[in-house]
Amino acid sequence: MAAVVHIPWYATVARGDKLEAALAEIAPLAIRFGAKSYALYRYNDDRYKFLQVAEFESKGDWERYWESPDFIDWRIRNSTYYQVPVVYGMTDLVVGGSLEAELARSARVPAAEATGDLAG
C-alpha cells in the first residue's frame, strides 16, 4: 500500500508567490528519493495556502526526502516564506484513479445525458 504524504504550507504575509516558486523547486525532488508521484496545490480561496502531496512506497523513503540535506537547506533558505510549524500527515492510499487526457475527452457524457439520479 502506498504511503501518501500531505504537507500543508501557509505563506507569510505578501510572500505567497515566493513560496509557490520555492515549493515548485523542491516538490519534484521527491522523485529522486523514490516518490511515485508528487503534486503541489495552491488554494483559490486563500492564496497563502498550499498543499504539497507525494506518494512513496514506504515511510522510510519519505523520511529520506524530508531529512535530506537538499530539503533541510531549502527550509533554511526559504524559512521566511512560510509559517511554522509545518506538520505533515502520512496517509494510506485506499483507492485512486485517473484517465489519460485523450481517454477522458472521449469518455465524457454529453450534458443532455448527465441528468438524473444514480439509480437510473
PDB file of N, CA and C in Angstrom:
ATOM      1  N   MET A   1       0.843  -1.174   0.000  1.00  0.00           N
ATOM      2  CA  MET A   1       0.000   0.000   0.000  1.00  0.00           C
ATOM      3  C   MET A   1       0.891   1.240   0.000  1.00  0.00           C
ATOM      4  N   ALA A   2       0.562   2.199  -0.839  1.00  0.00           N
ATOM      5  CA  ALA A   2       1.361   3.408  -0.964  1.00  0.00           C
ATOM      6  C   ALA A   2       1.166   4.320   0.248  1.00  0.00           C
ATOM      7  N   ALA A   3       2.220   4.993   0.621  1.00  0.00           N
ATOM      8  CA  ALA A   3       2.173   5.993   1.683  1.00  0.00           C
ATOM      9  C   ALA A   3       2.127   7.366   1.018  1.00  0.00           C
ATOM     10  N   VAL A   4       1.040   8.080   1.227  1.00  0.00           N
ATOM     11  CA  VAL A   4       0.871   9.401   0.628  1.00  0.00           C
ATOM     12  C   VAL A   4       1.008  10.444   1.724  1.00  0.00           C
ATOM     13  N   VAL A   5       1.893  11.378   1.500  1.00  0.00           N
ATOM     14  CA  VAL A   5       2.173  12.415   2.488  1.00  0.00           C
ATOM     15  C   VAL A   5       1.518  13.716   2.039  1.00  0.00           C
ATOM     16  N   HIS A   6       0.809  14.363   2.969  1.00  0.00           N
ATOM     17  CA  HIS A   6       0.209  15.673   2.730  1.00  0.00           C
ATOM     18  C   HIS A   6       0.952  16.667   3.605  1.00  0.00           C
ATOM     19  N   ILE A   7       1.499  17.693   2.971  1.00  0.00           N
ATOM     20  CA  ILE A   7       2.240  18.722   3.703  1.00  0.00           C
ATOM     21  C   ILE A   7       1.534  20.060   3.493  1.00  0.00           C
ATOM     22  N   PRO A   8       0.855  20.559   4.520  1.00  0.00           N
ATOM     23  CA  PRO A   8       0.214  21.867   4.381  1.00  0.00           C
ATOM     24  C   PRO A   8       1.230  22.985   4.641  1.00  0.00           C
ATOM     25  N   TRP A   9       1.290  23.922   3.728  1.00  0.00           N
ATOM     26  CA  TRP A   9       2.158  25.081   3.878  1.00  0.00           C
ATOM     27  C   TRP A   9       1.280  26.323   3.917  1.00  0.00           C
ATOM     28  N   TYR A  10       1.680  27.305   4.693  1.00  0.00           N
ATOM     29  CA  TYR A  10       0.959  28.567   4.724  1.00  0.00           C
ATOM     30  C   TYR A  10       1.975  29.695   4.636  1.00  0.00           C
ATOM     31  N   ALA A  11       1.825  30.518   3.610  1.00  0.00           N
ATOM     32  CA  ALA A  11       2.789  31.591   3.344  1.00  0.00           C
ATOM     33  C   ALA A  11       2.644  32.723   4.349  1.00  0.00           C
ATOM     34  N   THR A  12       3.747  33.386   4.612  1.00  0.00           N
ATOM     35  CA  THR A  12       3.716  34.592   5.428  1.00  0.00           C
ATOM     36  C   THR A  12       3.213  35.753   4.566  1.00  0.00           C
ATOM     37  N   VAL A  13       2.873  36.853   5.193  1.00  0.00           N
ATOM     38  CA  VAL A  13       2.252  37.986   4.512  1.00  0.00           C
ATOM     39  C   VAL A  13       3.073  38.433   3.295  1.00  0.00           C
ATOM     40  N   ALA A  14       2.389  38.568   2.175  1.00  0.00           N
ATOM     41  CA  ALA A  14       2.944  39.070   0.914  1.00  0.00           C
ATOM     42  C   ALA A  14       4.021  38.162   0.315  1.00  0.00           C
ATOM     43  N   ARG A  15       4.079  36.895   0.742  1.00  0.00           N
ATOM     44  CA  ARG A  15       5.107  36.002   0.197  1.00  0.00           C
ATOM     45  C   ARG A  15       4.518  34.753  -0.457  1.00  0.00           C
ATOM     46  N   GLY A  16       3.247  34.789  -0.812  1.00  0.00           N
ATOM     47  CA  GLY A  16       2.610  33.640  -1.443  1.00  0.00           C
ATOM     48  C   GLY A  16       3.272  33.239  -2.746  1.00  0.00           C
ATOM     49  N   ASP A  17       3.572  34.218  -3.588  1.00  0.00           N
ATOM     50  CA  ASP A  17       4.200  33.908  -4.877  1.00  0.00           C
ATOM     51  C   ASP A  17       5.615  33.371  -4.699  1.00  0.00           C
ATOM     52  N   LYS A  18       6.335  33.900  -3.723  1.00  0.00           N
ATOM     53  CA  LYS A  18       7.693  33.413  -3.460  1.00  0.00           C
ATOM     54  C   LYS A  18       7.662  31.982  -2.922  1.00  0.00           C
ATOM     55  N   LEU A  19       6.695  31.693  -2.041  1.00  0.00           N
ATOM     56  CA  LEU A  19       6.588  30.330  -1.528  1.00  0.00           C
ATOM     57  C   LEU A  19       6.189  29.371  -2.651  1.00  0.00           C
ATOM     58  N   GLU A  20       5.301  29.805  -3.523  1.00  0.00           N
ATOM     59  CA  GLU A  20       4.921  28.954  -4.656  1.00  0.00           C
ATOM     60  C   GLU A  20       6.142  28.583  -5.492  1.00  0.00           C
ATOM     61  N   ALA A  21       6.951  29.556  -5.820  1.00  0.00           N
ATOM     62  CA  ALA A  21       8.147  29.294  -6.631  1.00  0.00           C
ATOM     63  C   ALA A  21       9.112  28.364  -5.895  1.00  0.00           C
ATOM     64  N   ALA A  22       9.277  28.579  -4.609  1.00  0.00           N
ATOM     65  CA  ALA A  22      10.191  27.741  -3.826  1.00  0.00           C
ATOM     66  C   ALA A  22       9.672  26.307  -3.732  1.00  0.00           C
ATOM     67  N   LEU A  23       8.378  26.135  -3.495  1.00  0.00           N
ATOM     68  CA  LEU A  23       7.799  24.790  -3.421  1.00  0.00           C
ATOM     69  C   LEU A  23       7.862  24.081  -4.775  1.00  0.00           C
ATOM     70  N   ALA A  24       7.676  24.829  -5.842  1.00  0.00           N
ATOM     71  CA  ALA A  24       7.781  24.242  -7.186  1.00  0.00           C
ATOM     72  C   ALA A  24       9.196  23.741  -7.453  1.00  0.00           C
ATOM     73  N   GLU A  25      10.158  24.305  -6.765  1.00  0.00           N
ATOM     74  CA  GLU A  25      11.555  23.873  -6.885  1.00  0.00           C
ATOM     75  C   GLU A  25      11.814  22.578  -6.101  1.00  0.00           C
ATOM     76  N   ILE A  26      11.264  22.467  -4.903  1.00  0.00           N
ATOM     77  CA  ILE A  26      11.583  21.325  -4.034  1.00  0.00           C
ATOM     78  C   ILE A  26      10.670  20.125  -4.271  1.00  0.00           C
ATOM     79  N   ALA A  27       9.446  20.329  -4.668  1.00  0.00           N
ATOM     80  CA  ALA A  27       8.493  19.215  -4.815  1.00  0.00           C
ATOM     81  C   ALA A  27       8.985  18.127  -5.782  1.00  0.00           C
ATOM     82  N   PRO A  28       9.499  18.464  -6.958  1.00  0.00           N
ATOM     83  CA  PRO A  28       9.953  17.420  -7.886  1.00  0.00           C
ATOM     84  C   PRO A  28      11.126  16.590  -7.366  1.00  0.00           C
ATOM     85  N   LEU A  29      11.851  17.116  -6.406  1.00  0.00           N
ATOM     86  CA  LEU A  29      12.992  16.397  -5.843  1.00  0.00           C
ATOM     87  C   LEU A  29      12.561  15.083  -5.189  1.00  0.00           C
ATOM     88  N   ALA A  30      11.300  14.969  -4.832  1.00  0.00           N
ATOM     89  CA  ALA A  30      10.793  13.749  -4.196  1.00  0.00           C
ATOM     90  C   ALA A  30      11.028  12.516  -5.073  1.00  0.00           C
ATOM     91  N   ILE A  31      11.003  12.697  -6.370  1.00  0.00           N
ATOM     92  CA  ILE A  31      11.213  11.582  -7.302  1.00  0.00           C
ATOM     93  C   ILE A  31      12.582  10.940  -7.077  1.00  0.00           C
ATOM     94  N   ARG A  32      13.585  11.758  -6.788  1.00  0.00           N
ATOM     95  CA  ARG A  32      14.939  11.234  -6.536  1.00  0.00           C
ATOM     96  C   ARG A  32      15.004  10.340  -5.304  1.00  0.00           C
ATOM     97  N   PHE A  33      14.026  10.489  -4.414  1.00  0.00           N
ATOM     98  CA  PHE A  33      14.010   9.713  -3.174  1.00  0.00           C
ATOM     99  C   PHE A  33      12.966   8.601  -3.205  1.00  0.00           C
ATOM    100  N   GLY A  34      12.514   8.264  -4.391  1.00  0.00           N
ATOM    101  CA  GLY A  34      11.621   7.120  -4.540  1.00  0.00           C
ATOM    102  C   GLY A  34      10.149   7.426  -4.642  1.00  0.00           C
ATOM    103  N   ALA A  35       9.761   8.686  -4.706  1.00  0.00           N
ATOM    104  CA  ALA A  35       8.343   9.008  -4.838  1.00  0.00           C
ATOM    105  C   ALA A  35       7.822   8.526  -6.185  1.00  0.00           C
ATOM    106  N   LYS A  36       6.614   7.983  -6.169  1.00  0.00           N
ATOM    107  CA  LYS A  36       5.952   7.565  -7.402  1.00  0.00           C
ATOM    108  C   LYS A  36       5.270   8.748  -8.071  1.00  0.00           C
ATOM    109  N   SER A  37       4.901   9.744  -7.277  1.00  0.00           N
ATOM    110  CA  SER A  37       4.259  10.941  -7.819  1.00  0.00           C
ATOM    111  C   SER A  37       4.398  12.081  -6.807  1.00  0.00           C
ATOM    112  N   TYR A  38       4.184  13.275  -7.296  1.00  0.00           N
ATOM    113  CA  TYR A  38       4.168  14.453  -6.437  1.00  0.00           C
ATOM    114  C   TYR A  38       3.211  15.468  -7.049  1.00  0.00           C
ATOM    115  N   ALA A  39       2.713  16.359  -6.232  1.00  0.00           N
ATOM    116  CA  ALA A  39       1.835  17.429  -6.709  1.00  0.00           C
ATOM    117  C   ALA A  39       1.924  18.596  -5.732  1.00  0.00           C
ATOM    118  N   LEU A  40       1.639  19.765  -6.243  1.00  0.00           N
ATOM    119  CA  LEU A  40       1.576  20.967  -5.426  1.00  0.00           C
ATOM    120  C   LEU A  40       0.306  21.705  -5.793  1.00  0.00           C
ATOM    121  N   TYR A  41      -0.500  22.019  -4.791  1.00  0.00           N
ATOM    122  CA  TYR A  41      -1.753  22.724  -4.991  1.00  0.00           C
ATOM    123  C   TYR A  41      -1.699  24.068  -4.279  1.00  0.00           C
ATOM    124  N   ARG A  42      -2.279  25.082  -4.939  1.00  0.00           N
ATOM    125  CA  ARG A  42      -2.452  26.388  -4.300  1.00  0.00           C
ATOM    126  C   ARG A  42      -3.954  26.663  -4.267  1.00  0.00           C
ATOM    127  N   TYR A  43      -4.449  26.982  -3.103  1.00  0.00           N
ATOM    128  CA  TYR A  43      -5.883  27.172  -2.932  1.00  0.00           C
ATOM    129  C   TYR A  43      -6.343  28.463  -3.608  1.00  0.00           C
ATOM    130  N   ASN A  44      -7.525  28.402  -4.213  1.00  0.00           N
ATOM    131  CA  ASN A  44      -8.098  29.583  -4.864  1.00  0.00           C
ATOM    132  C   ASN A  44      -8.707  30.555  -3.865  1.00  0.00           C
ATOM    133  N   ASP A  45      -9.308  30.031  -2.801  1.00  0.00           N
ATOM    134  CA  ASP A  45      -9.994  30.894  -1.845  1.00  0.00           C
ATOM    135  C   ASP A  45      -9.060  31.501  -0.797  1.00  0.00           C
ATOM    136  N   ASP A  46      -7.842  30.992  -0.708  1.00  0.00           N
ATOM    137  CA  ASP A  46      -6.839  31.528   0.216  1.00  0.00           C
ATOM    138  C   ASP A  46      -5.486  31.361  -0.469  1.00  0.00           C
ATOM    139  N   ARG A  47      -5.015  32.398  -1.123  1.00  0.00           N
ATOM    140  CA  ARG A  47      -3.815  32.315  -1.963  1.00  0.00           C
ATOM    141  C   ARG A  47      -2.531  32.147  -1.156  1.00  0.00           C
ATOM    142  N   TYR A  48      -2.625  32.142   0.170  1.00  0.00           N
ATOM    143  CA  TYR A  48      -1.462  31.895   1.016  1.00  0.00           C
ATOM    144  C   TYR A  48      -1.349  30.422   1.407  1.00  0.00           C
ATOM    145  N   LYS A  49      -2.338  29.635   1.051  1.00  0.00           N
ATOM    146  CA  LYS A  49      -2.430  28.246   1.490  1.00  0.00           C
ATOM    147  C   LYS A  49      -2.035  27.290   0.364  1.00  0.00           C
ATOM    148  N   PHE A  50      -1.146  26.334   0.692  1.00  0.00           N
ATOM    149  CA  PHE A  50      -0.639  25.354  -0.274  1.00  0.00           C
ATOM    150  C   PHE A  50      -0.745  23.953   0.305  1.00  0.00           C
ATOM    151  N   LEU A  51      -0.837  22.986  -0.573  1.00  0.00           N
ATOM    152  CA  LEU A  51      -0.790  21.590  -0.166  1.00  0.00           C
ATOM    153  C   LEU A  51       0.182  20.861  -1.093  1.00  0.00           C
ATOM    154  N   GLN A  52       1.220  20.329  -0.502  1.00  0.00           N
ATOM    155  CA  GLN A  52       2.188  19.506  -1.231  1.00  0.00           C
ATOM    156  C   GLN A  52       1.849  18.051  -0.939  1.00  0.00           C
ATOM    157  N   VAL A  53       1.792  17.231  -1.977  1.00  0.00           N
ATOM    158  CA  VAL A  53       1.441  15.824  -1.849  1.00  0.00           C
ATOM    159  C   VAL A  53       2.501  14.995  -2.555  1.00  0.00           C
ATOM    160  N   ALA A  54       2.909  13.906  -1.932  1.00  0.00           N
ATOM    161  CA  ALA A  54       3.858  12.986  -2.566  1.00  0.00           C
ATOM    162  C   ALA A  54       3.497  11.561  -2.182  1.00  0.00           C
ATOM    163  N   GLU A  55       3.629  10.657  -3.134  1.00  0.00           N
ATOM    164  CA  GLU A  55       3.305   9.246  -2.907  1.00  0.00           C
ATOM    165  C   GLU A  55       4.595   8.436  -2.907  1.00  0.00           C
ATOM    166  N   PHE A  56       4.843   7.774  -1.792  1.00  0.00           N
ATOM    167  CA  PHE A  56       6.030   6.956  -1.618  1.00  0.00           C
ATOM    168  C   PHE A  56       5.625   5.512  -1.351  1.00  0.00           C
ATOM    169  N   GLU A  57       6.519   4.589  -1.607  1.00  0.00           N
ATOM    170  CA  GLU A  57       6.275   3.184  -1.287  1.00  0.00           C
ATOM    171  C   GLU A  57       6.399   2.928   0.210  1.00  0.00           C
ATOM    172  N   SER A  58       7.230   3.729   0.878  1.00  0.00           N
ATOM    173  CA  SER A  58       7.437   3.498   2.314  1.00  0.00           C
ATOM    174  C   SER A  58       7.653   4.823   3.035  1.00  0.00           C
ATOM    175  N   LYS A  59       7.403   4.792   4.318  1.00  0.00           N
ATOM    176  CA  LYS A  59       7.652   5.970   5.146  1.00  0.00           C
ATOM    177  C   LYS A  59       9.143   6.286   5.186  1.00  0.00           C
ATOM    178  N   GLY A  60       9.979   5.254   5.107  1.00  0.00           N
ATOM    179  CA  GLY A  60      11.427   5.463   5.098  1.00  0.00           C
ATOM    180  C   GLY A  60      11.888   6.297   3.921  1.00  0.00           C
ATOM    181  N   ASP A  61      11.306   6.060   2.741  1.00  0.00           N
ATOM    182  CA  ASP A  61      11.639   6.879   1.568  1.00  0.00           C
ATOM    183  C   ASP A  61      11.237   8.330   1.797  1.00  0.00           C
ATOM    184  N   TRP A  62      10.056   8.517   2.387  1.00  0.00           N
ATOM    185  CA  TRP A  62       9.606   9.872   2.701  1.00  0.00           C
ATOM    186  C   TRP A  62      10.579  10.556   3.643  1.00  0.00           C
ATOM    187  N   GLU A  63      10.992   9.859   4.699  1.00  0.00           N
ATOM    188  CA  GLU A  63      11.894  10.454   5.677  1.00  0.00           C
ATOM    189  C   GLU A  63      13.241  10.805   5.055  1.00  0.00           C
ATOM    190  N   ARG A  64      13.725   9.984   4.127  1.00  0.00           N
ATOM    191  CA  ARG A  64      14.989  10.318   3.443  1.00  0.00           C
ATOM    192  C   ARG A  64      14.853  11.626   2.654  1.00  0.00           C
ATOM    193  N   TYR A  65      13.688  11.847   2.051  1.00  0.00           N
ATOM    194  CA  TYR A  65      13.419  13.090   1.311  1.00  0.00           C
ATOM    195  C   TYR A  65      13.310  14.278   2.272  1.00  0.00           C
ATOM    196  N   TRP A  66      12.471  14.151   3.289  1.00  0.00           N
ATOM    197  CA  TRP A  66      12.213  15.245   4.225  1.00  0.00           C
ATOM    198  C   TRP A  66      13.468  15.650   4.980  1.00  0.00           C
ATOM    199  N   GLU A  67      14.300  14.683   5.343  1.00  0.00           N
ATOM    200  CA  GLU A  67      15.511  14.948   6.114  1.00  0.00           C
ATOM    201  C   GLU A  67      16.772  15.041   5.253  1.00  0.00           C
ATOM    202  N   SER A  68      16.606  15.081   3.944  1.00  0.00           N
ATOM    203  CA  SER A  68      17.770  15.175   3.063  1.00  0.00           C
ATOM    204  C   SER A  68      18.444  16.539   3.215  1.00  0.00           C
ATOM    205  N   PRO A  69      19.751  16.604   2.960  1.00  0.00           N
ATOM    206  CA  PRO A  69      20.442  17.899   3.016  1.00  0.00           C
ATOM    207  C   PRO A  69      19.793  18.937   2.087  1.00  0.00           C
ATOM    208  N   ASP A  70      19.290  18.484   0.923  1.00  0.00           N
ATOM    209  CA  ASP A  70      18.646  19.418  -0.002  1.00  0.00           C
ATOM    210  C   ASP A  70      17.405  20.057   0.613  1.00  0.00           C
ATOM    211  N   PHE A  71      16.556  19.233   1.258  1.00  0.00           N
ATOM    212  CA  PHE A  71      15.324  19.770   1.829  1.00  0.00           C
ATOM    213  C   PHE A  71      15.620  20.589   3.081  1.00  0.00           C
ATOM    214  N   ILE A  72      16.588  20.173   3.862  1.00  0.00           N
ATOM    215  CA  ILE A  72      16.966  20.963   5.044  1.00  0.00           C
ATOM    216  C   ILE A  72      17.480  22.328   4.609  1.00  0.00           C
ATOM    217  N   ASP A  73      18.364  22.360   3.619  1.00  0.00           N
ATOM    218  CA  ASP A  73      18.872  23.636   3.101  1.00  0.00           C
ATOM    219  C   ASP A  73      17.738  24.489   2.536  1.00  0.00           C
ATOM    220  N   TRP A  74      16.806  23.838   1.832  1.00  0.00           N
ATOM    221  CA  TRP A  74      15.664  24.549   1.264  1.00  0.00           C
ATOM    222  C   TRP A  74      14.853  25.217   2.377  1.00  0.00           C
ATOM    223  N   ARG A  75      14.591  24.477   3.453  1.00  0.00           N
ATOM    224  CA  ARG A  75      13.816  25.044   4.562  1.00  0.00           C
ATOM    225  C   ARG A  75      14.547  26.227   5.204  1.00  0.00           C
ATOM    226  N   ILE A  76      15.850  26.138   5.310  1.00  0.00           N
ATOM    227  CA  ILE A  76      16.628  27.246   5.879  1.00  0.00           C
ATOM    228  C   ILE A  76      16.561  28.469   4.961  1.00  0.00           C
ATOM    229  N   ARG A  77      16.805  28.254   3.672  1.00  0.00           N
ATOM    230  CA  ARG A  77      16.798  29.366   2.711  1.00  0.00           C
ATOM    231  C   ARG A  77      15.436  30.051   2.598  1.00  0.00           C
ATOM    232  N   ASN A  78      14.357  29.286   2.738  1.00  0.00           N
ATOM    233  CA  ASN A  78      13.016  29.811   2.494  1.00  0.00           C
ATOM    234  C   ASN A  78      12.181  29.965   3.765  1.00  0.00           C
ATOM    235  N   SER A  79      12.824  29.937   4.920  1.00  0.00           N
ATOM    236  CA  SER A  79      12.096  29.933   6.191  1.00  0.00           C
ATOM    237  C   SER A  79      11.238  31.177   6.407  1.00  0.00           C
ATOM    238  N   THR A  80      11.554  32.279   5.773  1.00  0.00           N
ATOM    239  CA  THR A  80      10.732  33.483   5.946  1.00  0.00           C
ATOM    240  C   THR A  80       9.496  33.485   5.055  1.00  0.00           C
ATOM    241  N   TYR A  81       9.373  32.505   4.168  1.00  0.00           N
ATOM    242  CA  TYR A  81       8.243  32.456   3.241  1.00  0.00           C
ATOM    243  C   TYR A  81       7.040  31.701   3.794  1.00  0.00           C
ATOM    244  N   TYR A  82       7.210  30.912   4.855  1.00  0.00           N
ATOM    245  CA  TYR A  82       6.106  30.098   5.361  1.00  0.00           C
ATOM    246  C   TYR A  82       6.041  30.146   6.889  1.00  0.00           C
ATOM    247  N   GLN A  83       4.826  29.853   7.375  1.00  0.00           N
ATOM    248  CA  GLN A  83       4.605  29.834   8.816  1.00  0.00           C
ATOM    249  C   GLN A  83       4.947  28.461   9.383  1.00  0.00           C
ATOM    250  N   VAL A  84       5.441  28.471  10.609  1.00  0.00           N
ATOM    251  CA  VAL A  84       5.750  27.223  11.304  1.00  0.00           C
ATOM    252  C   VAL A  84       4.784  27.059  12.461  1.00  0.00           C
ATOM    253  N   PRO A  85       4.515  25.878  12.908  1.00  0.00           N
ATOM    254  CA  PRO A  85       5.132  24.632  12.476  1.00  0.00           C
ATOM    255  C   PRO A  85       4.507  24.117  11.179  1.00  0.00           C
ATOM    256  N   VAL A  86       5.264  23.316  10.471  1.00  0.00           N
ATOM    257  CA  VAL A  86       4.777  22.595   9.306  1.00  0.00           C
ATOM    258  C   VAL A  86       4.571  21.158   9.769  1.00  0.00           C
ATOM    259  N   VAL A  87       3.336  20.734   9.826  1.00  0.00           N
ATOM    260  CA  VAL A  87       3.009  19.407  10.344  1.00  0.00           C
ATOM    261  C   VAL A  87       2.418  18.576   9.210  1.00  0.00           C
ATOM    262  N   TYR A  88       3.198  17.637   8.720  1.00  0.00           N
ATOM    263  CA  TYR A  88       2.723  16.806   7.618  1.00  0.00           C
ATOM    264  C   TYR A  88       1.878  15.656   8.143  1.00  0.00           C
ATOM    265  N   GLY A  89       1.091  15.089   7.246  1.00  0.00           N
ATOM    266  CA  GLY A  89       0.265  13.939   7.590  1.00  0.00           C
ATOM    267  C   GLY A  89       0.563  12.789   6.663  1.00  0.00           C
ATOM    268  N   MET A  90       0.768  11.625   7.232  1.00  0.00           N
ATOM    269  CA  MET A  90       1.039  10.406   6.465  1.00  0.00           C
ATOM    270  C   MET A  90      -0.281   9.659   6.306  1.00  0.00           C
ATOM    271  N   THR A  91      -0.645   9.317   5.088  1.00  0.00           N
ATOM    272  CA  THR A  91      -1.897   8.614   4.833  1.00  0.00           C
ATOM    273  C   THR A  91      -1.631   7.368   4.009  1.00  0.00           C
ATOM    274  N   ASP A  92      -2.574   6.443   4.029  1.00  0.00           N
ATOM    275  CA  ASP A  92      -2.524   5.278   3.150  1.00  0.00           C
ATOM    276  C   ASP A  92      -3.488   5.517   2.000  1.00  0.00           C
ATOM    277  N   LEU A  93      -3.035   5.276   0.799  1.00  0.00           N
ATOM    278  CA  LEU A  93      -3.898   5.399  -0.369  1.00  0.00           C
ATOM    279  C   LEU A  93      -4.798   4.173  -0.411  1.00  0.00           C
ATOM    280  N   VAL A  94      -6.093   4.388  -0.285  1.00  0.00           N
ATOM    281  CA  VAL A  94      -7.053   3.296  -0.268  1.00  0.00           C
ATOM    282  C   VAL A  94      -7.536   2.992  -1.676  1.00  0.00           C
ATOM    283  N   VAL A  95      -7.881   4.016  -2.426  1.00  0.00           N
ATOM    284  CA  VAL A  95      -8.320   3.847  -3.807  1.00  0.00           C
ATOM    285  C   VAL A  95      -7.999   5.130  -4.563  1.00  0.00           C
ATOM    286  N   GLY A  96      -7.730   5.008  -5.815  1.00  0.00           N
ATOM    287  CA  GLY A  96      -7.438   6.172  -6.639  1.00  0.00           C
ATOM    288  C   GLY A  96      -7.589   5.813  -8.100  1.00  0.00           C
ATOM    289  N   GLY A  97      -7.541   6.785  -8.940  1.00  0.00           N
ATOM    290  CA  GLY A  97      -7.650   6.534 -10.366  1.00  0.00           C
ATOM    291  C   GLY A  97      -7.381   7.796 -11.147  1.00  0.00           C
ATOM    292  N   SER A  98      -7.206   7.630 -12.428  1.00  0.00           N
ATOM    293  CA  SER A  98      -7.023   8.772 -13.313  1.00  0.00           C
ATOM    294  C   SER A  98      -7.284   8.319 -14.742  1.00  0.00           C
ATOM    295  N   LEU A  99      -7.498   9.256 -15.591  1.00  0.00           N
ATOM    296  CA  LEU A  99      -7.700   8.996 -17.009  1.00  0.00           C
ATOM    297  C   LEU A  99      -6.655   9.757 -17.797  1.00  0.00           C
ATOM    298  N   GLU A 100      -6.194   9.177 -18.857  1.00  0.00           N
ATOM    299  CA  GLU A 100      -5.338   9.911 -19.774  1.00  0.00           C
ATOM    300  C   GLU A 100      -6.192  10.985 -20.436  1.00  0.00           C
ATOM    301  N   ALA A 101      -5.611  12.090 -20.821  1.00  0.00           N
ATOM    302  CA  ALA A 101      -6.363  13.219 -21.377  1.00  0.00           C
ATOM    303  C   ALA A 101      -7.214  12.799 -22.574  1.00  0.00           C
ATOM    304  N   GLU A 102      -6.663  12.044 -23.480  1.00  0.00           N
ATOM    305  CA  GLU A 102      -7.405  11.627 -24.672  1.00  0.00           C
ATOM    306  C   GLU A 102      -8.581  10.742 -24.308  1.00  0.00           C
ATOM    307  N   LEU A 103      -8.367   9.800 -23.432  1.00  0.00           N
ATOM    308  CA  LEU A 103      -9.435   8.917 -22.992  1.00  0.00           C
ATOM    309  C   LEU A 103     -10.516   9.701 -22.266  1.00  0.00           C
ATOM    310  N   ALA A 104     -10.113  10.669 -21.463  1.00  0.00           N
ATOM    311  CA  ALA A 104     -11.081  11.481 -20.724  1.00  0.00           C
ATOM    312  C   ALA A 104     -11.979  12.255 -21.676  1.00  0.00           C
ATOM    313  N   ARG A 105     -11.397  12.803 -22.753  1.00  0.00           N
ATOM    314  CA  ARG A 105     -12.206  13.544 -23.727  1.00  0.00           C
ATOM    315  C   ARG A 105     -13.228  12.638 -24.402  1.00  0.00           C
ATOM    316  N   SER A 106     -12.834  11.423 -24.725  1.00  0.00           N
ATOM    317  CA  SER A 106     -13.748  10.521 -25.421  1.00  0.00           C
ATOM    318  C   SER A 106     -14.770   9.898 -24.480  1.00  0.00           C
ATOM    319  N   ALA A 107     -14.527   9.904 -23.177  1.00  0.00           N
ATOM    320  CA  ALA A 107     -15.418   9.263 -22.216  1.00  0.00           C
ATOM    321  C   ALA A 107     -16.450  10.216 -21.625  1.00  0.00           C
ATOM    322  N   ARG A 108     -16.362  11.498 -21.944  1.00  0.00           N
ATOM    323  CA  ARG A 108     -17.294  12.466 -21.362  1.00  0.00           C
ATOM    324  C   ARG A 108     -18.731  12.149 -21.756  1.00  0.00           C
ATOM    325  N   VAL A 109     -19.611  12.293 -20.790  1.00  0.00           N
ATOM    326  CA  VAL A 109     -21.032  12.100 -21.035  1.00  0.00           C
ATOM    327  C   VAL A 109     -21.599  13.427 -21.522  1.00  0.00           C
ATOM    328  N   PRO A 110     -22.322  13.441 -22.637  1.00  0.00           N
ATOM    329  CA  PRO A 110     -22.935  14.696 -23.095  1.00  0.00           C
ATOM    330  C   PRO A 110     -23.841  15.272 -22.013  1.00  0.00           C
ATOM    331  N   ALA A 111     -23.906  16.597 -21.931  1.00  0.00           N
ATOM    332  CA  ALA A 111     -24.667  17.269 -20.880  1.00  0.00           C
ATOM    333  C   ALA A 111     -26.109  16.805 -20.832  1.00  0.00           C
ATOM    334  N   ALA A 112     -26.719  16.522 -21.979  1.00  0.00           N
ATOM    335  CA  ALA A 112     -28.118  16.095 -22.009  1.00  0.00           C
ATOM    336  C   ALA A 112     -28.313  14.759 -21.314  1.00  0.00           C
ATOM    337  N   GLU A 113     -27.280  13.917 -21.283  1.00  0.00           N
ATOM    338  CA  GLU A 113     -27.377  12.593 -20.657  1.00  0.00           C
ATOM    339  C   GLU A 113     -26.928  12.587 -19.198  1.00  0.00           C
ATOM    340  N   ALA A 114     -26.396  13.703 -18.721  1.00  0.00           N
ATOM    341  CA  ALA A 114     -25.795  13.737 -17.387  1.00  0.00           C
ATOM    342  C   ALA A 114     -26.793  14.099 -16.288  1.00  0.00           C
ATOM    343  N   THR A 115     -28.096  14.041 -16.585  1.00  0.00           N
ATOM    344  CA  THR A 115     -29.095  14.356 -15.561  1.00  0.00           C
ATOM    345  C   THR A 115     -29.666  13.069 -14.990  1.00  0.00           C
ATOM    346  N   GLY A 116     -30.369  13.182 -13.907  1.00  0.00           N
ATOM    347  CA  GLY A 116     -30.988  12.018 -13.289  1.00  0.00           C
ATOM    348  C   GLY A 116     -30.230  11.579 -12.079  1.00  0.00           C
ATOM    349  N   ASP A 117     -30.778  10.570 -11.387  1.00  0.00           N
ATOM    350  CA  ASP A 117     -30.113  10.078 -10.196  1.00  0.00           C
ATOM    351  C   ASP A 117     -29.263   8.842 -10.525  1.00  0.00           C
ATOM    352  N   LEU A 118     -28.475   8.408  -9.567  1.00  0.00           N
ATOM    353  CA  LEU A 118     -27.576   7.285  -9.805  1.00  0.00           C
ATOM    354  C   LEU A 118     -28.319   5.957  -9.994  1.00  0.00           C
ATOM    355  N   ALA A 119     -29.538   5.871  -9.477  1.00  0.00           N
ATOM    356  CA  ALA A 119     -30.304   4.636  -9.585  1.00  0.00           C
ATOM    357  C   ALA A 119     -30.888   4.445 -10.979  1.00  0.00           C
ATOM    358  N   GLY A 120     -30.857   5.472 -11.792  1.00  0.00           N
ATOM    359  CA  GLY A 120     -31.338   5.328 -13.162  1.00  0.00           C
ATOM    360  C   GLY A 120     -32.630   6.008 -13.322  1.00  0.00           C
TER     361      GLY A 120
END
